[in-house]
Amino acid sequence: MASTDSTPRVNFEVMQRMVGKRVMLVGEVEIAEPNRLTVKTSDQAKITVLTAPNAPYNTKFVEFIGTVVDPTTLQEEDHIDVPDNFDMNLYNELVKLSTGRYQDLFV
């Protein structure tokens, strides 16, 4: 039975179907500007993350929790720094499994 308060892990492909919903996304920070980041997702797309003012990002990979504003924009609620040796390909496979055929195992 699916939980109504679960926060799914997404990549760019899954994010397209989640506008208005709360999600988790791991990405590689490519460009940092005041109040926004350009982030490469695990499936190699680029998105914009709207951030809190002066939020610190100490690693190149970051897990964001936030709300999908539109198909290419995430409004950050919180984030966690992820080690620089993070395997984005493996994470992308996890996202595909957890949002596809085996999603019931990840609830």
N, C-alpha and C. Protein backbone atom coordinates (compact mmCIF):
# COMPACT_ATOMS: atom_id res chain seq x y z
N MET A 1 0.84 -1.18 0.00
CA MET A 1 0.00 0.00 0.00
C MET A 1 0.88 1.23 0.00
N ALA A 2 0.63 2.15 -0.91
CA ALA A 2 1.44 3.36 -1.05
C ALA A 2 1.12 4.36 0.06
N SER A 3 2.16 5.00 0.55
CA SER A 3 1.99 6.04 1.56
C SER A 3 1.64 7.35 0.87
N THR A 4 0.72 8.11 1.43
CA THR A 4 0.32 9.37 0.81
C THR A 4 1.32 10.47 1.07
N ASP A 5 2.24 10.27 2.02
CA ASP A 5 3.21 11.32 2.31
C ASP A 5 4.61 10.96 1.84
N SER A 6 4.75 10.00 0.94
CA SER A 6 6.07 9.63 0.45
C SER A 6 6.60 10.71 -0.50
N THR A 7 7.91 10.84 -0.55
CA THR A 7 8.57 11.79 -1.43
C THR A 7 9.42 10.98 -2.40
N PRO A 8 8.99 10.87 -3.65
CA PRO A 8 9.71 10.00 -4.59
C PRO A 8 11.04 10.60 -5.04
N ARG A 9 11.98 9.72 -5.34
CA ARG A 9 13.24 10.11 -5.96
C ARG A 9 12.98 10.26 -7.45
N VAL A 10 13.53 11.30 -8.05
CA VAL A 10 13.28 11.54 -9.46
C VAL A 10 14.57 11.86 -10.22
N ASN A 11 14.51 11.64 -11.52
CA ASN A 11 15.49 12.18 -12.45
C ASN A 11 14.70 13.16 -13.33
N PHE A 12 15.31 13.67 -14.39
CA PHE A 12 14.61 14.63 -15.25
C PHE A 12 13.36 14.02 -15.88
N GLU A 13 13.48 12.81 -16.39
CA GLU A 13 12.34 12.17 -17.05
C GLU A 13 11.14 12.05 -16.12
N VAL A 14 11.36 11.61 -14.91
CA VAL A 14 10.26 11.45 -13.95
C VAL A 14 9.76 12.81 -13.46
N MET A 15 10.66 13.76 -13.33
CA MET A 15 10.30 15.10 -12.85
C MET A 15 9.23 15.74 -13.74
N GLN A 16 9.22 15.41 -15.02
CA GLN A 16 8.25 15.98 -15.96
C GLN A 16 6.81 15.69 -15.55
N ARG A 17 6.61 14.57 -14.88
CA ARG A 17 5.26 14.14 -14.47
C ARG A 17 4.91 14.58 -13.05
N MET A 18 5.77 15.35 -12.41
CA MET A 18 5.61 15.64 -10.99
C MET A 18 5.39 17.12 -10.68
N VAL A 19 4.98 17.91 -11.65
CA VAL A 19 4.77 19.35 -11.42
C VAL A 19 3.79 19.55 -10.26
N GLY A 20 4.19 20.38 -9.30
CA GLY A 20 3.38 20.65 -8.12
C GLY A 20 3.59 19.68 -6.98
N LYS A 21 4.44 18.68 -7.17
CA LYS A 21 4.64 17.66 -6.13
C LYS A 21 6.03 17.80 -5.50
N ARG A 22 6.13 17.27 -4.29
CA ARG A 22 7.38 17.26 -3.54
C ARG A 22 8.20 16.04 -3.96
N VAL A 23 9.49 16.25 -4.26
CA VAL A 23 10.36 15.18 -4.75
C VAL A 23 11.75 15.29 -4.12
N MET A 24 12.54 14.23 -4.34
CA MET A 24 13.97 14.23 -4.02
C MET A 24 14.72 14.02 -5.33
N LEU A 25 15.78 14.80 -5.53
CA LEU A 25 16.56 14.70 -6.74
C LEU A 25 18.02 14.90 -6.40
N VAL A 26 18.88 14.00 -6.88
CA VAL A 26 20.32 14.19 -6.74
C VAL A 26 20.84 14.72 -8.06
N GLY A 27 21.64 15.78 -7.98
CA GLY A 27 22.20 16.36 -9.18
C GLY A 27 23.60 16.87 -8.95
N GLU A 28 24.27 17.16 -10.07
CA GLU A 28 25.62 17.73 -10.04
C GLU A 28 25.51 19.23 -10.30
N VAL A 29 25.99 20.02 -9.36
CA VAL A 29 25.93 21.47 -9.49
C VAL A 29 26.92 21.90 -10.57
N GLU A 30 26.40 22.58 -11.59
CA GLU A 30 27.26 23.06 -12.68
C GLU A 30 27.49 24.55 -12.62
N ILE A 31 26.44 25.32 -12.31
CA ILE A 31 26.55 26.77 -12.21
C ILE A 31 25.82 27.23 -10.95
N ALA A 32 26.51 28.01 -10.14
CA ALA A 32 25.90 28.57 -8.92
C ALA A 32 25.77 30.08 -9.10
N GLU A 33 24.54 30.56 -8.98
CA GLU A 33 24.24 31.99 -9.04
C GLU A 33 23.44 32.33 -7.78
N PRO A 34 23.32 33.61 -7.46
CA PRO A 34 22.51 33.96 -6.29
C PRO A 34 21.08 33.43 -6.44
N ASN A 35 20.66 32.65 -5.49
CA ASN A 35 19.30 32.11 -5.40
C ASN A 35 18.93 31.10 -6.47
N ARG A 36 19.92 30.59 -7.23
CA ARG A 36 19.60 29.56 -8.23
C ARG A 36 20.86 28.79 -8.61
N LEU A 37 20.64 27.53 -8.95
CA LEU A 37 21.71 26.66 -9.43
C LEU A 37 21.29 26.05 -10.76
N THR A 38 22.24 25.80 -11.61
CA THR A 38 22.01 24.95 -12.77
C THR A 38 22.60 23.60 -12.40
N VAL A 39 21.76 22.56 -12.51
CA VAL A 39 22.11 21.23 -12.02
C VAL A 39 21.93 20.22 -13.14
N LYS A 40 22.90 19.30 -13.27
CA LYS A 40 22.77 18.19 -14.21
C LYS A 40 22.18 17.00 -13.45
N THR A 41 21.09 16.46 -13.97
CA THR A 41 20.40 15.35 -13.33
C THR A 41 21.09 14.02 -13.66
N SER A 42 20.66 12.97 -13.01
CA SER A 42 21.27 11.66 -13.21
C SER A 42 21.05 11.11 -14.62
N ASP A 43 20.04 11.62 -15.33
CA ASP A 43 19.83 11.21 -16.72
C ASP A 43 20.32 12.28 -17.70
N GLN A 44 21.27 13.10 -17.22
CA GLN A 44 22.06 14.02 -18.04
C GLN A 44 21.31 15.24 -18.57
N ALA A 45 20.18 15.61 -17.99
CA ALA A 45 19.46 16.81 -18.39
C ALA A 45 19.86 17.96 -17.47
N LYS A 46 19.55 19.18 -17.85
CA LYS A 46 19.84 20.35 -17.03
C LYS A 46 18.53 20.92 -16.48
N ILE A 47 18.55 21.24 -15.19
CA ILE A 47 17.40 21.88 -14.56
C ILE A 47 17.88 23.08 -13.76
N THR A 48 16.94 23.92 -13.36
CA THR A 48 17.22 25.04 -12.47
C THR A 48 16.66 24.69 -11.10
N VAL A 49 17.48 24.90 -10.07
CA VAL A 49 17.02 24.75 -8.69
C VAL A 49 17.00 26.15 -8.07
N LEU A 50 15.82 26.56 -7.63
CA LEU A 50 15.67 27.83 -6.93
C LEU A 50 16.02 27.59 -5.48
N THR A 51 17.01 28.31 -4.97
CA THR A 51 17.56 28.03 -3.65
C THR A 51 17.23 29.12 -2.65
N ALA A 52 17.51 28.82 -1.40
CA ALA A 52 17.40 29.83 -0.35
C ALA A 52 18.59 30.78 -0.47
N PRO A 53 18.42 32.04 -0.08
CA PRO A 53 19.54 32.98 -0.15
C PRO A 53 20.74 32.48 0.66
N ASN A 54 21.90 32.55 0.04
CA ASN A 54 23.18 32.19 0.69
C ASN A 54 23.25 30.76 1.21
N ALA A 55 22.48 29.86 0.63
CA ALA A 55 22.56 28.46 1.05
C ALA A 55 23.93 27.91 0.66
N PRO A 56 24.61 27.21 1.59
CA PRO A 56 25.94 26.68 1.27
C PRO A 56 25.85 25.34 0.54
N TYR A 57 26.64 25.20 -0.49
CA TYR A 57 26.76 23.93 -1.21
C TYR A 57 28.24 23.57 -1.20
N ASN A 58 28.59 22.51 -0.48
CA ASN A 58 29.99 22.19 -0.22
C ASN A 58 30.54 21.05 -1.05
N THR A 59 29.71 20.41 -1.86
CA THR A 59 30.15 19.31 -2.70
C THR A 59 29.56 19.50 -4.09
N LYS A 60 30.09 18.77 -5.07
CA LYS A 60 29.55 18.95 -6.42
C LYS A 60 28.24 18.20 -6.62
N PHE A 61 27.99 17.17 -5.83
CA PHE A 61 26.71 16.46 -5.89
C PHE A 61 25.87 16.84 -4.68
N VAL A 62 24.59 17.08 -4.93
CA VAL A 62 23.69 17.52 -3.87
C VAL A 62 22.35 16.81 -4.03
N GLU A 63 21.79 16.35 -2.89
CA GLU A 63 20.42 15.82 -2.91
C GLU A 63 19.49 16.95 -2.48
N PHE A 64 18.55 17.28 -3.37
CA PHE A 64 17.59 18.33 -3.11
C PHE A 64 16.24 17.72 -2.76
N ILE A 65 15.57 18.33 -1.80
CA ILE A 65 14.17 18.03 -1.52
C ILE A 65 13.42 19.31 -1.82
N GLY A 66 12.39 19.20 -2.65
CA GLY A 66 11.67 20.40 -3.01
C GLY A 66 10.44 20.10 -3.84
N THR A 67 9.83 21.17 -4.33
CA THR A 67 8.61 21.07 -5.12
C THR A 67 8.93 21.40 -6.57
N VAL A 68 8.41 20.58 -7.47
CA VAL A 68 8.60 20.81 -8.90
C VAL A 68 7.70 21.97 -9.32
N VAL A 69 8.30 23.06 -9.76
CA VAL A 69 7.57 24.26 -10.17
C VAL A 69 7.06 24.11 -11.59
N ASP A 70 7.93 23.62 -12.46
CA ASP A 70 7.59 23.35 -13.85
C ASP A 70 8.54 22.24 -14.32
N PRO A 71 8.42 21.76 -15.54
CA PRO A 71 9.23 20.60 -15.94
C PRO A 71 10.75 20.76 -15.85
N THR A 72 11.24 21.99 -15.73
CA THR A 72 12.69 22.18 -15.63
C THR A 72 13.12 22.96 -14.40
N THR A 73 12.22 23.14 -13.42
CA THR A 73 12.55 23.96 -12.25
C THR A 73 12.08 23.28 -10.96
N LEU A 74 12.99 23.27 -9.97
CA LEU A 74 12.70 22.73 -8.66
C LEU A 74 12.88 23.83 -7.62
N GLN A 75 11.89 24.03 -6.76
CA GLN A 75 12.01 24.98 -5.64
C GLN A 75 12.52 24.21 -4.44
N GLU A 76 13.75 24.48 -4.03
CA GLU A 76 14.37 23.75 -2.93
C GLU A 76 13.71 24.06 -1.60
N GLU A 77 13.48 23.00 -0.81
CA GLU A 77 13.07 23.14 0.59
C GLU A 77 14.27 22.89 1.49
N ASP A 78 15.08 21.93 1.08
CA ASP A 78 16.24 21.53 1.87
C ASP A 78 17.21 20.82 0.95
N HIS A 79 18.42 20.62 1.42
CA HIS A 79 19.39 19.85 0.64
C HIS A 79 20.38 19.17 1.57
N ILE A 80 21.03 18.16 1.01
CA ILE A 80 22.08 17.42 1.72
C ILE A 80 23.25 17.30 0.76
N ASP A 81 24.44 17.66 1.21
CA ASP A 81 25.64 17.47 0.40
C ASP A 81 25.90 15.97 0.26
N VAL A 82 26.29 15.56 -0.94
CA VAL A 82 26.57 14.16 -1.24
C VAL A 82 28.06 14.07 -1.59
N PRO A 83 28.77 13.01 -1.18
CA PRO A 83 30.20 12.91 -1.46
C PRO A 83 30.51 13.04 -2.96
N ASP A 84 31.67 13.60 -3.26
CA ASP A 84 32.06 13.83 -4.64
C ASP A 84 32.28 12.56 -5.45
N ASN A 85 32.37 11.42 -4.80
CA ASN A 85 32.53 10.16 -5.54
C ASN A 85 31.19 9.45 -5.77
N PHE A 86 30.10 10.17 -5.64
CA PHE A 86 28.75 9.62 -5.83
C PHE A 86 28.58 9.08 -7.24
N ASP A 87 27.96 7.91 -7.38
CA ASP A 87 27.76 7.27 -8.69
C ASP A 87 26.39 7.65 -9.25
N MET A 88 26.38 8.64 -10.13
CA MET A 88 25.12 9.13 -10.70
C MET A 88 24.45 8.08 -11.60
N ASN A 89 25.22 7.25 -12.27
CA ASN A 89 24.63 6.21 -13.12
C ASN A 89 23.85 5.20 -12.28
N LEU A 90 24.44 4.80 -11.16
CA LEU A 90 23.76 3.86 -10.27
C LEU A 90 22.51 4.50 -9.67
N TYR A 91 22.61 5.76 -9.29
CA TYR A 91 21.44 6.48 -8.78
C TYR A 91 20.33 6.53 -9.83
N ASN A 92 20.69 6.77 -11.08
CA ASN A 92 19.69 6.83 -12.14
C ASN A 92 18.98 5.48 -12.30
N GLU A 93 19.71 4.39 -12.15
CA GLU A 93 19.09 3.06 -12.21
C GLU A 93 18.12 2.87 -11.04
N LEU A 94 18.50 3.35 -9.85
CA LEU A 94 17.61 3.30 -8.69
C LEU A 94 16.32 4.07 -8.96
N VAL A 95 16.44 5.26 -9.54
CA VAL A 95 15.26 6.06 -9.85
C VAL A 95 14.35 5.30 -10.81
N LYS A 96 14.93 4.72 -11.85
CA LYS A 96 14.11 3.99 -12.83
C LYS A 96 13.39 2.81 -12.18
N LEU A 97 14.07 2.10 -11.29
CA LEU A 97 13.43 0.97 -10.61
C LEU A 97 12.35 1.44 -9.64
N SER A 98 12.64 2.51 -8.90
CA SER A 98 11.72 2.95 -7.85
C SER A 98 10.50 3.69 -8.39
N THR A 99 10.53 4.08 -9.65
CA THR A 99 9.39 4.77 -10.24
C THR A 99 8.75 3.97 -11.38
N GLY A 100 9.27 2.79 -11.60
CA GLY A 100 8.78 1.96 -12.70
C GLY A 100 8.16 0.67 -12.21
N ARG A 101 8.57 -0.38 -12.82
CA ARG A 101 8.00 -1.71 -12.58
C ARG A 101 8.03 -2.15 -11.11
N TYR A 102 9.06 -1.75 -10.38
CA TYR A 102 9.21 -2.20 -9.00
C TYR A 102 8.89 -1.13 -7.97
N GLN A 103 8.11 -0.13 -8.34
CA GLN A 103 7.85 0.98 -7.43
C GLN A 103 7.22 0.56 -6.12
N ASP A 104 6.45 -0.51 -6.10
CA ASP A 104 5.83 -0.96 -4.85
C ASP A 104 6.85 -1.39 -3.80
N LEU A 105 8.05 -1.77 -4.23
CA LEU A 105 9.09 -2.17 -3.29
C LEU A 105 9.73 -0.97 -2.59
N PHE A 106 9.51 0.23 -3.10
CA PHE A 106 10.18 1.42 -2.60
C PHE A 106 9.27 2.37 -1.84
N VAL A 107 8.13 1.92 -1.43
CA VAL A 107 7.17 2.79 -0.74
C VAL A 107 7.46 2.80 0.73
